[in-house]
Protein backbone atom coordinates (compact mmCIF):
# COMPACT_ATOMS: atom_id res chain seq x y z
CA UNK A 1 -0.22 0.32 -0.03
CA UNK A 2 1.32 3.43 -0.85
CA UNK A 3 1.38 6.20 1.66
CA UNK A 4 2.59 9.70 2.52
CA UNK A 5 5.72 9.70 4.41
CA UNK A 6 8.01 12.22 5.53
CA UNK A 7 11.48 12.64 3.48
CA UNK A 8 14.57 12.68 6.06
CA UNK A 9 18.15 13.89 5.26
CA UNK A 10 21.26 11.35 5.46
CA UNK A 11 21.64 11.89 8.71
CA UNK A 12 17.83 11.19 9.58
CA UNK A 13 17.01 15.09 10.17
CA UNK A 14 13.39 15.92 8.96
CA UNK A 15 13.25 18.13 5.48
CA UNK A 16 10.07 19.21 5.72
CA UNK A 17 9.44 17.48 2.61
CA UNK A 18 6.65 14.70 2.22
CA UNK A 19 6.58 12.10 -0.80
CA UNK A 20 4.92 8.87 -1.73
CA UNK A 21 6.55 5.67 -0.22
CA UNK A 22 6.61 4.45 -4.08
CA UNK A 23 8.57 7.66 -4.85
CA UNK A 24 10.85 7.74 -1.76
CA UNK A 25 12.10 3.76 -2.64
CA UNK A 26 12.04 4.46 -6.33
CA UNK A 27 14.45 7.56 -5.50
CA UNK A 28 16.47 6.02 -2.65
CA UNK A 29 14.84 9.26 -0.03
CA UNK A 30 15.78 8.57 3.40
CA UNK A 31 12.39 7.69 5.95
CA UNK A 32 11.24 6.42 8.55
CA UNK A 33 10.27 2.87 9.89
CA UNK A 34 9.39 1.24 13.00
CA UNK A 35 10.51 -2.60 13.88
CA UNK A 36 8.91 -4.06 17.02
CA UNK A 37 10.57 -7.28 18.35
CA UNK A 38 7.82 -9.34 20.23
CA UNK A 39 9.89 -11.76 22.69
CA UNK A 40 8.51 -14.13 25.44
CA UNK A 41 9.81 -14.44 28.97
CA UNK A 42 10.93 -17.73 28.39
CA UNK A 43 13.68 -16.75 25.78
CA UNK A 44 11.23 -16.83 22.64
CA UNK A 45 11.20 -14.44 19.81
CA UNK A 46 7.96 -13.61 17.37
CA UNK A 47 8.71 -13.47 13.87
CA UNK A 48 6.88 -12.85 10.95
CA UNK A 49 7.25 -14.50 7.50
CA UNK A 50 7.00 -12.03 4.64
CA UNK A 51 3.97 -12.50 2.25
CA UNK A 52 4.66 -13.70 -0.95
CA UNK A 53 3.46 -10.77 -3.33
CA UNK A 54 5.93 -8.27 -0.93
CA UNK A 55 8.06 -6.37 -3.57
CA UNK A 56 11.31 -7.11 -1.19
CA UNK A 57 12.31 -10.20 0.35
CA UNK A 58 9.33 -11.98 0.04
CA UNK A 59 8.42 -15.35 2.19
CA UNK A 60 11.68 -14.29 3.76
CA UNK A 61 11.39 -14.26 7.65
CA UNK A 62 11.45 -10.88 9.57
CA UNK A 63 11.19 -8.46 12.50
CA UNK A 64 7.62 -9.30 14.39
CA UNK A 65 6.10 -6.03 13.24
CA UNK A 66 7.70 -3.60 10.88
CA UNK A 67 6.32 -0.77 8.90
CA UNK A 68 6.61 3.04 7.55
CA UNK A 69 5.88 6.13 9.39
CA UNK A 70 3.05 8.07 8.18
CA UNK A 71 3.63 11.51 7.53
CA UNK A 72 3.14 13.78 10.40
CA UNK A 73 2.69 10.43 12.55
CA UNK A 74 4.38 10.21 15.68
CA UNK A 75 7.24 7.15 15.93
CA UNK A 76 5.79 5.01 18.94
CA UNK A 77 1.83 5.85 17.56
CA UNK A 78 2.96 3.92 14.31
CA UNK A 79 4.44 1.13 15.94
CA UNK A 80 1.23 0.80 17.87
CA UNK A 81 -0.98 1.17 14.73
CA UNK A 82 1.32 -1.71 12.76
CA UNK A 83 1.19 -4.07 15.56
CA UNK A 84 -2.16 -3.70 15.37
CA UNK A 85 -2.48 -3.79 11.60
CA UNK A 86 0.03 -6.90 11.25
CA UNK A 87 -0.81 -9.30 13.98
CA UNK A 88 -3.88 -8.17 15.66
CA UNK A 89 -2.23 -7.09 19.39
CA UNK A 90 -2.94 -4.27 21.15
CA UNK A 91 -0.09 -2.32 22.79
CA UNK A 92 0.16 0.72 24.52
CA UNK A 93 3.34 3.15 24.52
CA UNK A 94 4.20 2.03 28.03
CA UNK A 95 4.41 -1.43 26.55
CA UNK A 96 7.65 -0.38 24.22
CA UNK A 97 11.28 -0.52 24.93
CA UNK A 98 13.06 1.28 22.45
CA UNK A 99 16.73 -0.28 21.78
CA UNK A 100 18.09 1.86 18.96
CA UNK A 101 17.59 3.55 15.15
CA UNK A 102 19.41 1.69 12.67
CA UNK A 103 20.43 3.19 9.28
CA UNK A 104 19.81 1.25 6.54
CA UNK A 105 20.33 1.37 2.99
CA UNK A 106 19.61 -1.53 0.73
CA UNK A 107 19.50 -1.48 -3.44
CA UNK A 108 17.00 -3.96 -4.44
CA UNK A 109 17.10 -2.67 -8.08
CA UNK A 110 17.46 0.59 -9.71
CA UNK A 111 13.85 1.24 -9.06
CA UNK A 112 13.71 0.06 -5.42
CA UNK A 113 16.51 1.35 -3.03
CA UNK A 114 15.14 1.30 0.73
CA UNK A 115 16.89 4.22 2.79
CA UNK A 116 15.50 4.04 5.86
CA UNK A 117 15.87 4.69 9.61
CA UNK A 118 14.70 1.86 11.61
CA UNK A 119 13.18 2.85 14.95
CA UNK A 120 13.62 -0.68 16.99
CA UNK A 121 11.62 -1.75 20.28
CA UNK A 122 11.26 -4.50 22.18
CA UNK A 123 7.99 -5.81 23.53
CA UNK A 124 6.98 -8.31 25.69
CA UNK A 125 4.42 -10.69 23.69
CA UNK A 126 1.87 -11.61 26.27
CA UNK A 127 -0.94 -13.27 24.36
CA UNK A 128 -0.42 -17.03 23.03
CA UNK A 129 0.50 -17.23 19.26
CA UNK A 130 -2.51 -18.59 18.18
CA UNK A 131 -4.36 -15.78 19.51
CA UNK A 132 -2.61 -13.36 16.59
CA UNK A 133 -3.87 -12.27 13.69
CA UNK A 134 -2.03 -12.05 10.68
CA UNK A 135 -2.93 -9.27 7.94
CA UNK A 136 -3.06 -11.72 4.83
CA UNK A 137 -1.30 -8.96 2.59
CA UNK A 138 1.71 -8.77 4.78
CA UNK A 139 2.02 -11.60 6.43
CA UNK A 140 2.11 -15.29 5.25
CA UNK A 141 3.04 -16.82 8.77
CA UNK A 142 3.91 -16.28 12.15
CA UNK A 143 6.30 -18.51 14.46
CA UNK A 144 8.24 -18.47 17.89
CA UNK A 145 11.64 -19.42 17.29
CA UNK A 146 14.10 -19.81 20.76
CA UNK A 147 16.30 -16.90 20.84
CA UNK A 148 19.46 -19.46 20.74
CA UNK A 149 18.53 -20.65 17.68
CA UNK A 150 17.52 -17.17 16.19
CA UNK A 151 21.14 -16.16 17.22
CA UNK A 152 22.81 -19.19 15.25
CA UNK A 153 20.85 -18.65 12.19
CA UNK A 154 21.72 -14.50 12.39
CA UNK A 155 24.86 -13.78 13.95
CA UNK A 156 26.85 -15.56 11.31
CA UNK A 157 23.87 -14.99 8.95
CA UNK A 158 24.04 -19.28 8.36
CA UNK A 159 20.63 -19.03 6.48
CA UNK A 160 21.09 -15.94 3.82
CA UNK A 161 18.02 -17.31 2.23
CA UNK A 162 15.58 -17.54 5.83
CA UNK A 163 16.11 -13.97 6.88
CA UNK A 164 16.13 -10.66 5.65
CA UNK A 165 19.16 -9.51 5.09
CA UNK A 166 19.72 -6.82 8.07
CA UNK A 167 23.55 -5.70 9.19
CA UNK A 168 24.74 -8.41 11.71
CA UNK A 169 25.39 -5.69 14.15
CA UNK A 170 21.75 -5.05 13.98
CA UNK A 171 20.90 -8.65 14.93
CA UNK A 172 23.51 -8.95 17.43
CA UNK A 173 21.64 -5.73 19.33
CA UNK A 174 18.32 -7.21 19.13
CA UNK A 175 19.39 -10.43 20.92
CA UNK A 176 21.60 -8.71 23.29
CA UNK A 177 19.09 -6.27 24.42
CA UNK A 178 16.28 -9.13 24.65
CA UNK A 179 18.97 -11.38 26.63
CA UNK A 180 19.41 -8.56 29.23
CA UNK A 181 15.59 -8.56 29.64
CA UNK A 182 15.31 -12.46 30.45
């Protein structure tokens, strides 16, 4: 779905310009996105398999919830909205724990260049996996995976055709941050 988003400069500062997401991706313009990693107290991580019709990394496993921040939208409000849209879980600002902002540039091809600042959060998953409701246009599947298995598969990118290829340091930060909370 195309949407209006705020454009940032290369350092993550607002430019005062807005553009459609499709234009930002076509031109490689920086913009904000949110990532929420849901984890359980018994050391598991919720991962989502991207829908087969996605422009980037179809059917790869990815962050629990991710999405673009709409123009003029507060970052945390975007995170709350995306959690409800993608997996049907209701959270509040108090449930979100920000662990960082990660600059990411990924050129998929000449007309699709993702230049994003991922505002990344942790959130405890307090409902059973079976109660989550996938947004079919975005999510093919949901799974809980042990943090140990996830670390083994992402730290060395031992499974590069399984997960969205974020920087290894990004995955390490997520895993270490969750470990601190268990």
